[in-house]
Amino acid sequence: MVRRKLSSALLSATLTTEDGSSPPKLVGIVGVDVSLVDTVQNRQYTRTEAETAVKMAVGGLPPSKRREWGKKSVPEIANELLDESVVAVAVLSNLAVDPGTRRMGIGRGTKK
């Protein structure tokens, strides 16, 4: 299986009781993905487009450089090998907060 260059993660927020008498309660969760954005065209790449752009940028290098750049992060690759208008960004998606804990800043806490 091929390892994806654009990583993703789920971040969660939990609440605990002050005395610790009950287990932590999951109150919020959000997906975070690395993506590419073209700042001139004002367009976010799809996951497939971004993966392809990164692979093509690294794949176009000589073999000795390919090994070196294959280990670098997407922001490093975007900054050095892609057009200057293309930047790597973190994209938040599918923020979900427990209805009983809304308006308490849980979403803000998950985004930090």
PDB file of N, CA and C in Angstrom:
ATOM      1  N   MET A   1       0.844  -1.180   0.000  1.00  0.00           N
ATOM      2  CA  MET A   1       0.000   0.000   0.000  1.00  0.00           C
ATOM      3  C   MET A   1       0.887   1.240   0.000  1.00  0.00           C
ATOM      4  N   VAL A   2       0.549   2.206  -0.831  1.00  0.00           N
ATOM      5  CA  VAL A   2       1.334   3.417  -0.968  1.00  0.00           C
ATOM      6  C   VAL A   2       0.940   4.406   0.126  1.00  0.00           C
ATOM      7  N   ARG A   3       1.941   4.997   0.748  1.00  0.00           N
ATOM      8  CA  ARG A   3       1.696   5.975   1.799  1.00  0.00           C
ATOM      9  C   ARG A   3       1.309   7.307   1.170  1.00  0.00           C
ATOM     10  N   ARG A   4       0.240   7.907   1.671  1.00  0.00           N
ATOM     11  CA  ARG A   4      -0.203   9.206   1.169  1.00  0.00           C
ATOM     12  C   ARG A   4       0.725  10.297   1.680  1.00  0.00           C
ATOM     13  N   LYS A   5       0.977  11.291   0.841  1.00  0.00           N
ATOM     14  CA  LYS A   5       1.799  12.427   1.246  1.00  0.00           C
ATOM     15  C   LYS A   5       0.970  13.434   2.042  1.00  0.00           C
ATOM     16  N   LEU A   6      -0.295  13.586   1.686  1.00  0.00           N
ATOM     17  CA  LEU A   6      -1.144  14.560   2.366  1.00  0.00           C
ATOM     18  C   LEU A   6      -1.796  13.885   3.563  1.00  0.00           C
ATOM     19  N   SER A   7      -1.346  14.260   4.718  1.00  0.00           N
ATOM     20  CA  SER A   7      -1.828  13.586   5.923  1.00  0.00           C
ATOM     21  C   SER A   7      -3.181  14.138   6.366  1.00  0.00           C
ATOM     22  N   SER A   8      -3.837  13.379   7.217  1.00  0.00           N
ATOM     23  CA  SER A   8      -5.103  13.797   7.802  1.00  0.00           C
ATOM     24  C   SER A   8      -5.163  13.258   9.223  1.00  0.00           C
ATOM     25  N   ALA A   9      -5.992  13.894  10.024  1.00  0.00           N
ATOM     26  CA  ALA A   9      -6.113  13.476  11.419  1.00  0.00           C
ATOM     27  C   ALA A   9      -7.478  13.866  11.954  1.00  0.00           C
ATOM     28  N   LEU A  10      -7.859  13.224  13.031  1.00  0.00           N
ATOM     29  CA  LEU A  10      -9.059  13.606  13.767  1.00  0.00           C
ATOM     30  C   LEU A  10      -8.602  14.161  15.112  1.00  0.00           C
ATOM     31  N   LEU A  11      -9.103  15.332  15.470  1.00  0.00           N
ATOM     32  CA  LEU A  11      -8.805  15.935  16.766  1.00  0.00           C
ATOM     33  C   LEU A  11     -10.077  15.882  17.594  1.00  0.00           C
ATOM     34  N   SER A  12      -9.908  15.587  18.863  1.00  0.00           N
ATOM     35  CA  SER A  12     -11.095  15.494  19.716  1.00  0.00           C
ATOM     36  C   SER A  12     -10.942  16.366  20.954  1.00  0.00           C
ATOM     37  N   ALA A  13     -12.070  16.709  21.528  1.00  0.00           N
ATOM     38  CA  ALA A  13     -12.111  17.467  22.778  1.00  0.00           C
ATOM     39  C   ALA A  13     -12.900  16.653  23.789  1.00  0.00           C
ATOM     40  N   THR A  14     -12.407  16.590  24.993  1.00  0.00           N
ATOM     41  CA  THR A  14     -13.092  15.855  26.055  1.00  0.00           C
ATOM     42  C   THR A  14     -13.268  16.759  27.271  1.00  0.00           C
ATOM     43  N   LEU A  15     -14.268  16.461  28.058  1.00  0.00           N
ATOM     44  CA  LEU A  15     -14.487  17.148  29.333  1.00  0.00           C
ATOM     45  C   LEU A  15     -14.366  16.115  30.445  1.00  0.00           C
ATOM     46  N   THR A  16     -13.735  16.517  31.503  1.00  0.00           N
ATOM     47  CA  THR A  16     -13.625  15.645  32.668  1.00  0.00           C
ATOM     48  C   THR A  16     -14.274  16.340  33.856  1.00  0.00           C
ATOM     49  N   THR A  17     -14.745  15.550  34.794  1.00  0.00           N
ATOM     50  CA  THR A  17     -15.307  16.137  36.011  1.00  0.00           C
ATOM     51  C   THR A  17     -14.156  16.637  36.871  1.00  0.00           C
ATOM     52  N   GLU A  18     -14.426  17.658  37.666  1.00  0.00           N
ATOM     53  CA  GLU A  18     -13.367  18.250  38.488  1.00  0.00           C
ATOM     54  C   GLU A  18     -12.767  17.243  39.460  1.00  0.00           C
ATOM     55  N   ASP A  19     -13.601  16.366  39.989  1.00  0.00           N
ATOM     56  CA  ASP A  19     -13.081  15.400  40.962  1.00  0.00           C
ATOM     57  C   ASP A  19     -12.561  14.126  40.300  1.00  0.00           C
ATOM     58  N   GLY A  20     -12.730  14.008  38.980  1.00  0.00           N
ATOM     59  CA  GLY A  20     -12.228  12.835  38.261  1.00  0.00           C
ATOM     60  C   GLY A  20     -13.032  11.580  38.532  1.00  0.00           C
ATOM     61  N   SER A  21     -14.256  11.732  39.040  1.00  0.00           N
ATOM     62  CA  SER A  21     -15.059  10.575  39.425  1.00  0.00           C
ATOM     63  C   SER A  21     -15.634   9.801  38.238  1.00  0.00           C
ATOM     64  N   SER A  22     -15.706  10.437  37.084  1.00  0.00           N
ATOM     65  CA  SER A  22     -16.211   9.720  35.912  1.00  0.00           C
ATOM     66  C   SER A  22     -15.212   9.868  34.765  1.00  0.00           C
ATOM     67  N   PRO A  23     -15.271   8.929  33.817  1.00  0.00           N
ATOM     68  CA  PRO A  23     -14.325   8.993  32.701  1.00  0.00           C
ATOM     69  C   PRO A  23     -14.564  10.241  31.844  1.00  0.00           C
ATOM     70  N   PRO A  24     -13.546  10.681  31.103  1.00  0.00           N
ATOM     71  CA  PRO A  24     -13.712  11.852  30.229  1.00  0.00           C
ATOM     72  C   PRO A  24     -14.849  11.623  29.230  1.00  0.00           C
ATOM     73  N   LYS A  25     -15.579  12.684  28.911  1.00  0.00           N
ATOM     74  CA  LYS A  25     -16.695  12.617  27.968  1.00  0.00           C
ATOM     75  C   LYS A  25     -16.267  13.289  26.668  1.00  0.00           C
ATOM     76  N   LEU A  26     -16.403  12.574  25.569  1.00  0.00           N
ATOM     77  CA  LEU A  26     -16.106  13.136  24.255  1.00  0.00           C
ATOM     78  C   LEU A  26     -17.181  14.172  23.934  1.00  0.00           C
ATOM     79  N   VAL A  27     -16.762  15.417  23.689  1.00  0.00           N
ATOM     80  CA  VAL A  27     -17.737  16.483  23.432  1.00  0.00           C
ATOM     81  C   VAL A  27     -17.554  17.156  22.074  1.00  0.00           C
ATOM     82  N   GLY A  28     -16.446  16.879  21.395  1.00  0.00           N
ATOM     83  CA  GLY A  28     -16.243  17.490  20.080  1.00  0.00           C
ATOM     84  C   GLY A  28     -15.196  16.740  19.288  1.00  0.00           C
ATOM     85  N   ILE A  29     -15.339  16.807  17.977  1.00  0.00           N
ATOM     86  CA  ILE A  29     -14.372  16.161  17.096  1.00  0.00           C
ATOM     87  C   ILE A  29     -14.336  16.933  15.777  1.00  0.00           C
ATOM     88  N   VAL A  30     -13.163  16.999  15.157  1.00  0.00           N
ATOM     89  CA  VAL A  30     -13.015  17.703  13.881  1.00  0.00           C
ATOM     90  C   VAL A  30     -11.949  16.983  13.044  1.00  0.00           C
ATOM     91  N   GLY A  31     -12.177  16.933  11.747  1.00  0.00           N
ATOM     92  CA  GLY A  31     -11.200  16.378  10.825  1.00  0.00           C
ATOM     93  C   GLY A  31     -10.253  17.480  10.351  1.00  0.00           C
ATOM     94  N   VAL A  32      -8.983  17.147  10.216  1.00  0.00           N
ATOM     95  CA  VAL A  32      -7.981  18.089   9.719  1.00  0.00           C
ATOM     96  C   VAL A  32      -7.211  17.390   8.602  1.00  0.00           C
ATOM     97  N   ASP A  33      -7.165  18.029   7.441  1.00  0.00           N
ATOM     98  CA  ASP A  33      -6.451  17.482   6.287  1.00  0.00           C
ATOM     99  C   ASP A  33      -5.444  18.492   5.776  1.00  0.00           C
ATOM    100  N   VAL A  34      -4.320  18.004   5.265  1.00  0.00           N
ATOM    101  CA  VAL A  34      -3.386  18.870   4.553  1.00  0.00           C
ATOM    102  C   VAL A  34      -3.855  18.921   3.113  1.00  0.00           C
ATOM    103  N   SER A  35      -3.892  20.121   2.548  1.00  0.00           N
ATOM    104  CA  SER A  35      -4.313  20.288   1.167  1.00  0.00           C
ATOM    105  C   SER A  35      -3.470  21.363   0.506  1.00  0.00           C
ATOM    106  N   LEU A  36      -3.695  21.572  -0.774  1.00  0.00           N
ATOM    107  CA  LEU A  36      -3.017  22.627  -1.517  1.00  0.00           C
ATOM    108  C   LEU A  36      -4.055  23.635  -1.991  1.00  0.00           C
ATOM    109  N   VAL A  37      -3.680  24.896  -1.968  1.00  0.00           N
ATOM    110  CA  VAL A  37      -4.541  25.967  -2.441  1.00  0.00           C
ATOM    111  C   VAL A  37      -3.749  26.821  -3.420  1.00  0.00           C
ATOM    112  N   ASP A  38      -4.374  27.136  -4.545  1.00  0.00           N
ATOM    113  CA  ASP A  38      -3.789  28.069  -5.508  1.00  0.00           C
ATOM    114  C   ASP A  38      -4.334  29.445  -5.152  1.00  0.00           C
ATOM    115  N   THR A  39      -3.459  30.322  -4.651  1.00  0.00           N
ATOM    116  CA  THR A  39      -3.895  31.632  -4.166  1.00  0.00           C
ATOM    117  C   THR A  39      -4.221  32.601  -5.299  1.00  0.00           C
ATOM    118  N   VAL A  40      -3.731  32.350  -6.496  1.00  0.00           N
ATOM    119  CA  VAL A  40      -4.044  33.214  -7.639  1.00  0.00           C
ATOM    120  C   VAL A  40      -5.408  32.847  -8.211  1.00  0.00           C
ATOM    121  N   GLN A  41      -5.643  31.552  -8.407  1.00  0.00           N
ATOM    122  CA  GLN A  41      -6.922  31.091  -8.956  1.00  0.00           C
ATOM    123  C   GLN A  41      -7.996  30.964  -7.884  1.00  0.00           C
ATOM    124  N   ASN A  42      -7.602  31.163  -6.608  1.00  0.00           N
ATOM    125  CA  ASN A  42      -8.547  31.073  -5.490  1.00  0.00           C
ATOM    126  C   ASN A  42      -9.259  29.730  -5.486  1.00  0.00           C
ATOM    127  N   ARG A  43      -8.466  28.651  -5.538  1.00  0.00           N
ATOM    128  CA  ARG A  43      -9.025  27.313  -5.698  1.00  0.00           C
ATOM    129  C   ARG A  43      -8.293  26.318  -4.816  1.00  0.00           C
ATOM    130  N   GLN A  44      -9.065  25.498  -4.117  1.00  0.00           N
ATOM    131  CA  GLN A  44      -8.481  24.417  -3.328  1.00  0.00           C
ATOM    132  C   GLN A  44      -8.403  23.172  -4.198  1.00  0.00           C
ATOM    133  N   TYR A  45      -7.261  22.498  -4.176  1.00  0.00           N
ATOM    134  CA  TYR A  45      -7.097  21.249  -4.912  1.00  0.00           C
ATOM    135  C   TYR A  45      -7.911  20.152  -4.237  1.00  0.00           C
ATOM    136  N   THR A  46      -8.430  19.218  -5.022  1.00  0.00           N
ATOM    137  CA  THR A  46      -9.022  18.017  -4.431  1.00  0.00           C
ATOM    138  C   THR A  46      -7.876  17.178  -3.879  1.00  0.00           C
ATOM    139  N   ARG A  47      -8.191  16.186  -3.063  1.00  0.00           N
ATOM    140  CA  ARG A  47      -7.133  15.321  -2.516  1.00  0.00           C
ATOM    141  C   ARG A  47      -6.344  14.660  -3.640  1.00  0.00           C
ATOM    142  N   THR A  48      -7.036  14.156  -4.646  1.00  0.00           N
ATOM    143  CA  THR A  48      -6.369  13.490  -5.766  1.00  0.00           C
ATOM    144  C   THR A  48      -5.468  14.463  -6.527  1.00  0.00           C
ATOM    145  N   GLU A  49      -5.973  15.662  -6.804  1.00  0.00           N
ATOM    146  CA  GLU A  49      -5.175  16.671  -7.507  1.00  0.00           C
ATOM    147  C   GLU A  49      -3.932  17.061  -6.709  1.00  0.00           C
ATOM    148  N   ALA A  50      -4.100  17.236  -5.405  1.00  0.00           N
ATOM    149  CA  ALA A  50      -2.975  17.625  -4.558  1.00  0.00           C
ATOM    150  C   ALA A  50      -1.932  16.511  -4.491  1.00  0.00           C
ATOM    151  N   GLU A  51      -2.383  15.270  -4.296  1.00  0.00           N
ATOM    152  CA  GLU A  51      -1.451  14.135  -4.274  1.00  0.00           C
ATOM    153  C   GLU A  51      -0.688  14.044  -5.598  1.00  0.00           C
ATOM    154  N   THR A  52      -1.405  14.216  -6.703  1.00  0.00           N
ATOM    155  CA  THR A  52      -0.776  14.142  -8.022  1.00  0.00           C
ATOM    156  C   THR A  52       0.233  15.266  -8.210  1.00  0.00           C
ATOM    157  N   ALA A  53      -0.117  16.490  -7.797  1.00  0.00           N
ATOM    158  CA  ALA A  53       0.800  17.628  -7.937  1.00  0.00           C
ATOM    159  C   ALA A  53       2.087  17.400  -7.157  1.00  0.00           C
ATOM    160  N   VAL A  54       1.957  16.885  -5.942  1.00  0.00           N
ATOM    161  CA  VAL A  54       3.136  16.622  -5.108  1.00  0.00           C
ATOM    162  C   VAL A  54       3.984  15.506  -5.723  1.00  0.00           C
ATOM    163  N   LYS A  55       3.330  14.423  -6.147  1.00  0.00           N
ATOM    164  CA  LYS A  55       4.061  13.299  -6.753  1.00  0.00           C
ATOM    165  C   LYS A  55       4.767  13.720  -8.036  1.00  0.00           C
ATOM    166  N   MET A  56       4.094  14.528  -8.863  1.00  0.00           N
ATOM    167  CA  MET A  56       4.693  14.982 -10.117  1.00  0.00           C
ATOM    168  C   MET A  56       5.889  15.903  -9.857  1.00  0.00           C
ATOM    169  N   ALA A  57       5.770  16.761  -8.860  1.00  0.00           N
ATOM    170  CA  ALA A  57       6.866  17.679  -8.533  1.00  0.00           C
ATOM    171  C   ALA A  57       8.099  16.907  -8.091  1.00  0.00           C
ATOM    172  N   VAL A  58       7.901  15.928  -7.229  1.00  0.00           N
ATOM    173  CA  VAL A  58       9.029  15.119  -6.744  1.00  0.00           C
ATOM    174  C   VAL A  58       9.504  14.165  -7.837  1.00  0.00           C
ATOM    175  N   GLY A  59       8.564  13.586  -8.583  1.00  0.00           N
ATOM    176  CA  GLY A  59       8.899  12.634  -9.642  1.00  0.00           C
ATOM    177  C   GLY A  59       9.688  13.254 -10.785  1.00  0.00           C
ATOM    178  N   GLY A  60       9.593  14.562 -10.969  1.00  0.00           N
ATOM    179  CA  GLY A  60      10.322  15.241 -12.037  1.00  0.00           C
ATOM    180  C   GLY A  60      11.768  15.546 -11.703  1.00  0.00           C
ATOM    181  N   LEU A  61      12.177  15.210 -10.495  1.00  0.00           N
ATOM    182  CA  LEU A  61      13.558  15.468 -10.067  1.00  0.00           C
ATOM    183  C   LEU A  61      14.464  14.299 -10.450  1.00  0.00           C
ATOM    184  N   PRO A  62      15.778  14.542 -10.519  1.00  0.00           N
ATOM    185  CA  PRO A  62      16.708  13.432 -10.740  1.00  0.00           C
ATOM    186  C   PRO A  62      16.591  12.416  -9.592  1.00  0.00           C
ATOM    187  N   PRO A  63      16.927  11.137  -9.857  1.00  0.00           N
ATOM    188  CA  PRO A  63      16.772  10.090  -8.833  1.00  0.00           C
ATOM    189  C   PRO A  63      17.400  10.412  -7.475  1.00  0.00           C
ATOM    190  N   SER A  64      18.579  10.988  -7.466  1.00  0.00           N
ATOM    191  CA  SER A  64      19.236  11.289  -6.187  1.00  0.00           C
ATOM    192  C   SER A  64      18.441  12.333  -5.396  1.00  0.00           C
ATOM    193  N   LYS A  65      17.879  13.297  -6.065  1.00  0.00           N
ATOM    194  CA  LYS A  65      17.074  14.327  -5.407  1.00  0.00           C
ATOM    195  C   LYS A  65      15.691  13.785  -5.021  1.00  0.00           C
ATOM    196  N   ARG A  66      15.165  12.849  -5.826  1.00  0.00           N
ATOM    197  CA  ARG A  66      13.854  12.267  -5.555  1.00  0.00           C
ATOM    198  C   ARG A  66      13.822  11.609  -4.177  1.00  0.00           C
ATOM    199  N   ARG A  67      14.868  10.868  -3.853  1.00  0.00           N
ATOM    200  CA  ARG A  67      14.932  10.208  -2.541  1.00  0.00           C
ATOM    201  C   ARG A  67      14.913  11.248  -1.426  1.00  0.00           C
ATOM    202  N   GLU A  68      15.694  12.298  -1.587  1.00  0.00           N
ATOM    203  CA  GLU A  68      15.778  13.356  -0.586  1.00  0.00           C
ATOM    204  C   GLU A  68      14.424  14.067  -0.425  1.00  0.00           C
ATOM    205  N   TRP A  69      13.824  14.466  -1.543  1.00  0.00           N
ATOM    206  CA  TRP A  69      12.575  15.214  -1.492  1.00  0.00           C
ATOM    207  C   TRP A  69      11.382  14.334  -1.152  1.00  0.00           C
ATOM    208  N   GLY A  70      11.466  13.041  -1.406  1.00  0.00           N
ATOM    209  CA  GLY A  70      10.379  12.128  -1.064  1.00  0.00           C
ATOM    210  C   GLY A  70      10.138  12.048   0.429  1.00  0.00           C
ATOM    211  N   LYS A  71      11.131  12.416   1.220  1.00  0.00           N
ATOM    212  CA  LYS A  71      11.023  12.371   2.686  1.00  0.00           C
ATOM    213  C   LYS A  71      10.551  13.689   3.280  1.00  0.00           C
ATOM    214  N   LYS A  72      10.476  14.729   2.468  1.00  0.00           N
ATOM    215  CA  LYS A  72      10.111  16.052   2.984  1.00  0.00           C
ATOM    216  C   LYS A  72       8.596  16.195   3.128  1.00  0.00           C
ATOM    217  N   SER A  73       8.202  17.174   3.899  1.00  0.00           N
ATOM    218  CA  SER A  73       6.771  17.415   4.141  1.00  0.00           C
ATOM    219  C   SER A  73       6.134  18.111   2.940  1.00  0.00           C
ATOM    220  N   VAL A  74       4.817  18.050   2.879  1.00  0.00           N
ATOM    221  CA  VAL A  74       4.080  18.703   1.796  1.00  0.00           C
ATOM    222  C   VAL A  74       4.336  20.217   1.789  1.00  0.00           C
ATOM    223  N   PRO A  75       4.327  20.914   2.941  1.00  0.00           N
ATOM    224  CA  PRO A  75       4.636  22.348   2.890  1.00  0.00           C
ATOM    225  C   PRO A  75       6.028  22.636   2.313  1.00  0.00           C
ATOM    226  N   GLU A  76       7.019  21.819   2.662  1.00  0.00           N
ATOM    227  CA  GLU A  76       8.363  22.015   2.104  1.00  0.00           C
ATOM    228  C   GLU A  76       8.356  21.813   0.592  1.00  0.00           C
ATOM    229  N   ILE A  77       7.679  20.764   0.139  1.00  0.00           N
ATOM    230  CA  ILE A  77       7.605  20.484  -1.303  1.00  0.00           C
ATOM    231  C   ILE A  77       6.867  21.618  -2.015  1.00  0.00           C
ATOM    232  N   ALA A  78       5.751  22.065  -1.454  1.00  0.00           N
ATOM    233  CA  ALA A  78       4.979  23.148  -2.076  1.00  0.00           C
ATOM    234  C   ALA A  78       5.797  24.435  -2.151  1.00  0.00           C
ATOM    235  N   ASN A  79       6.504  24.762  -1.082  1.00  0.00           N
ATOM    236  CA  ASN A  79       7.293  25.997  -1.050  1.00  0.00           C
ATOM    237  C   ASN A  79       8.443  25.993  -2.045  1.00  0.00           C
ATOM    238  N   GLU A  80       9.049  24.850  -2.256  1.00  0.00           N
ATOM    239  CA  GLU A  80      10.257  24.793  -3.082  1.00  0.00           C
ATOM    240  C   GLU A  80      10.030  24.296  -4.506  1.00  0.00           C
ATOM    241  N   LEU A  81       9.073  23.388  -4.708  1.00  0.00           N
ATOM    242  CA  LEU A  81       8.959  22.735  -6.014  1.00  0.00           C
ATOM    243  C   LEU A  81       7.717  23.115  -6.814  1.00  0.00           C
ATOM    244  N   LEU A  82       6.697  23.624  -6.152  1.00  0.00           N
ATOM    245  CA  LEU A  82       5.477  23.989  -6.877  1.00  0.00           C
ATOM    246  C   LEU A  82       5.474  25.486  -7.163  1.00  0.00           C
ATOM    247  N   ASP A  83       4.552  25.905  -8.013  1.00  0.00           N
ATOM    248  CA  ASP A  83       4.408  27.320  -8.351  1.00  0.00           C
ATOM    249  C   ASP A  83       4.245  28.132  -7.068  1.00  0.00           C
ATOM    250  N   GLU A  84       4.755  29.346  -7.063  1.00  0.00           N
ATOM    251  CA  GLU A  84       4.706  30.159  -5.835  1.00  0.00           C
ATOM    252  C   GLU A  84       3.283  30.499  -5.392  1.00  0.00           C
ATOM    253  N   SER A  85       2.319  30.376  -6.284  1.00  0.00           N
ATOM    254  CA  SER A  85       0.924  30.654  -5.907  1.00  0.00           C
ATOM    255  C   SER A  85       0.274  29.471  -5.195  1.00  0.00           C
ATOM    256  N   VAL A  86       0.929  28.323  -5.201  1.00  0.00           N
ATOM    257  CA  VAL A  86       0.368  27.117  -4.573  1.00  0.00           C
ATOM    258  C   VAL A  86       0.977  26.951  -3.183  1.00  0.00           C
ATOM    259  N   VAL A  87       0.109  26.907  -2.180  1.00  0.00           N
ATOM    260  CA  VAL A  87       0.565  26.775  -0.797  1.00  0.00           C
ATOM    261  C   VAL A  87      -0.132  25.602  -0.114  1.00  0.00           C
ATOM    262  N   ALA A  88       0.567  25.012   0.834  1.00  0.00           N
ATOM    263  CA  ALA A  88      -0.018  23.930   1.640  1.00  0.00           C
ATOM    264  C   ALA A  88      -0.774  24.565   2.800  1.00  0.00           C
ATOM    265  N   VAL A  89      -1.948  24.032   3.076  1.00  0.00           N
ATOM    266  CA  VAL A  89      -2.790  24.560   4.152  1.00  0.00           C
ATOM    267  C   VAL A  89      -3.404  23.416   4.949  1.00  0.00           C
ATOM    268  N   ALA A  90      -3.808  23.725   6.162  1.00  0.00           N
ATOM    269  CA  ALA A  90      -4.581  22.778   6.969  1.00  0.00           C
ATOM    270  C   ALA A  90      -6.055  23.116   6.766  1.00  0.00           C
ATOM    271  N   VAL A  91      -6.852  22.108   6.434  1.00  0.00           N
ATOM    272  CA  VAL A  91      -8.273  22.306   6.178  1.00  0.00           C
ATOM    273  C   VAL A  91      -9.071  21.573   7.251  1.00  0.00           C
ATOM    274  N   LEU A  92      -9.928  22.309   7.935  1.00  0.00           N
ATOM    275  CA  LEU A  92     -10.802  21.716   8.943  1.00  0.00           C
ATOM    276  C   LEU A  92     -12.092  21.271   8.276  1.00  0.00           C
ATOM    277  N   SER A  93     -12.587  20.107   8.661  1.00  0.00           N
ATOM    278  CA  SER A  93     -13.836  19.626   8.088  1.00  0.00           C
ATOM    279  C   SER A  93     -14.629  18.856   9.129  1.00  0.00           C
ATOM    280  N   ASN A  94     -15.927  18.860   8.961  1.00  0.00           N
ATOM    281  CA  ASN A  94     -16.832  18.043   9.765  1.00  0.00           C
ATOM    282  C   ASN A  94     -16.674  18.252  11.270  1.00  0.00           C
ATOM    283  N   LEU A  95     -16.708  19.502  11.687  1.00  0.00           N
ATOM    284  CA  LEU A  95     -16.685  19.799  13.113  1.00  0.00           C
ATOM    285  C   LEU A  95     -18.009  19.363  13.727  1.00  0.00           C
ATOM    286  N   ALA A  96     -17.932  18.536  14.753  1.00  0.00           N
ATOM    287  CA  ALA A  96     -19.137  18.071  15.442  1.00  0.00           C
ATOM    288  C   ALA A  96     -18.957  18.310  16.937  1.00  0.00           C
ATOM    289  N   VAL A  97     -19.980  18.911  17.553  1.00  0.00           N
ATOM    290  CA  VAL A  97     -19.945  19.189  18.987  1.00  0.00           C
ATOM    291  C   VAL A  97     -21.207  18.618  19.622  1.00  0.00           C
ATOM    292  N   ASP A  98     -21.038  17.973  20.763  1.00  0.00           N
ATOM    293  CA  ASP A  98     -22.165  17.415  21.506  1.00  0.00           C
ATOM    294  C   ASP A  98     -23.190  18.522  21.766  1.00  0.00           C
ATOM    295  N   PRO A  99     -24.471  18.272  21.451  1.00  0.00           N
ATOM    296  CA  PRO A  99     -25.491  19.316  21.621  1.00  0.00           C
ATOM    297  C   PRO A  99     -25.559  19.884  23.048  1.00  0.00           C
ATOM    298  N   GLY A 100     -25.290  19.064  24.031  1.00  0.00           N
ATOM    299  CA  GLY A 100     -25.356  19.528  25.414  1.00  0.00           C
ATOM    300  C   GLY A 100     -24.210  20.438  25.814  1.00  0.00           C
ATOM    301  N   THR A 101     -23.193  20.526  24.996  1.00  0.00           N
ATOM    302  CA  THR A 101     -22.034  21.358  25.339  1.00  0.00           C
ATOM    303  C   THR A 101     -21.802  22.481  24.333  1.00  0.00           C
ATOM    304  N   ARG A 102     -22.781  22.733  23.498  1.00  0.00           N
ATOM    305  CA  ARG A 102     -22.636  23.832  22.526  1.00  0.00           C
ATOM    306  C   ARG A 102     -22.621  25.178  23.244  1.00  0.00           C
ATOM    307  N   ARG A 103     -22.024  26.165  22.584  1.00  0.00           N
ATOM    308  CA  ARG A 103     -21.883  27.536  23.082  1.00  0.00           C
ATOM    309  C   ARG A 103     -20.933  27.613  24.277  1.00  0.00           C
ATOM    310  N   MET A 104     -20.035  26.599  24.402  1.00  0.00           N
ATOM    311  CA  MET A 104     -19.043  26.599  25.485  1.00  0.00           C
ATOM    312  C   MET A 104     -17.617  26.771  24.959  1.00  0.00           C
ATOM    313  N   GLY A 105     -17.463  26.989  23.660  1.00  0.00           N
ATOM    314  CA  GLY A 105     -16.120  27.169  23.094  1.00  0.00           C
ATOM    315  C   GLY A 105     -15.422  25.869  22.752  1.00  0.00           C
ATOM    316  N   ILE A 106     -16.142  24.753  22.707  1.00  0.00           N
ATOM    317  CA  ILE A 106     -15.547  23.449  22.402  1.00  0.00           C
ATOM    318  C   ILE A 106     -14.951  23.466  20.995  1.00  0.00           C
ATOM    319  N   GLY A 107     -15.680  23.999  20.023  1.00  0.00           N
ATOM    320  CA  GLY A 107     -15.188  24.065  18.639  1.00  0.00           C
ATOM    321  C   GLY A 107     -13.906  24.866  18.565  1.00  0.00           C
ATOM    322  N   ARG A 108     -13.858  25.989  19.276  1.00  0.00           N
ATOM    323  CA  ARG A 108     -12.643  26.812  19.303  1.00  0.00           C
ATOM    324  C   ARG A 108     -11.484  26.008  19.884  1.00  0.00           C
ATOM    325  N   GLY A 109     -11.756  25.238  20.920  1.00  0.00           N
ATOM    326  CA  GLY A 109     -10.717  24.423  21.552  1.00  0.00           C
ATOM    327  C   GLY A 109     -10.191  23.326  20.654  1.00  0.00           C
ATOM    328  N   THR A 110     -11.055  22.737  19.837  1.00  0.00           N
ATOM    329  CA  THR A 110     -10.619  21.666  18.940  1.00  0.00           C
ATOM    330  C   THR A 110      -9.783  22.222  17.801  1.00  0.00           C
ATOM    331  N   LYS A 111      -9.956  23.481  17.446  1.00  0.00           N
ATOM    332  CA  LYS A 111      -9.234  24.066  16.322  1.00  0.00           C
ATOM    333  C   LYS A 111      -7.847  24.548  16.691  1.00  0.00           C
ATOM    334  N   LYS A 112      -7.495  24.593  17.957  1.00  0.00           N
ATOM    335  CA  LYS A 112      -6.174  25.111  18.360  1.00  0.00           C
ATOM    336  C   LYS A 112      -5.101  24.085  18.214  1.00  0.00           C
TER     337      LYS A 112
END
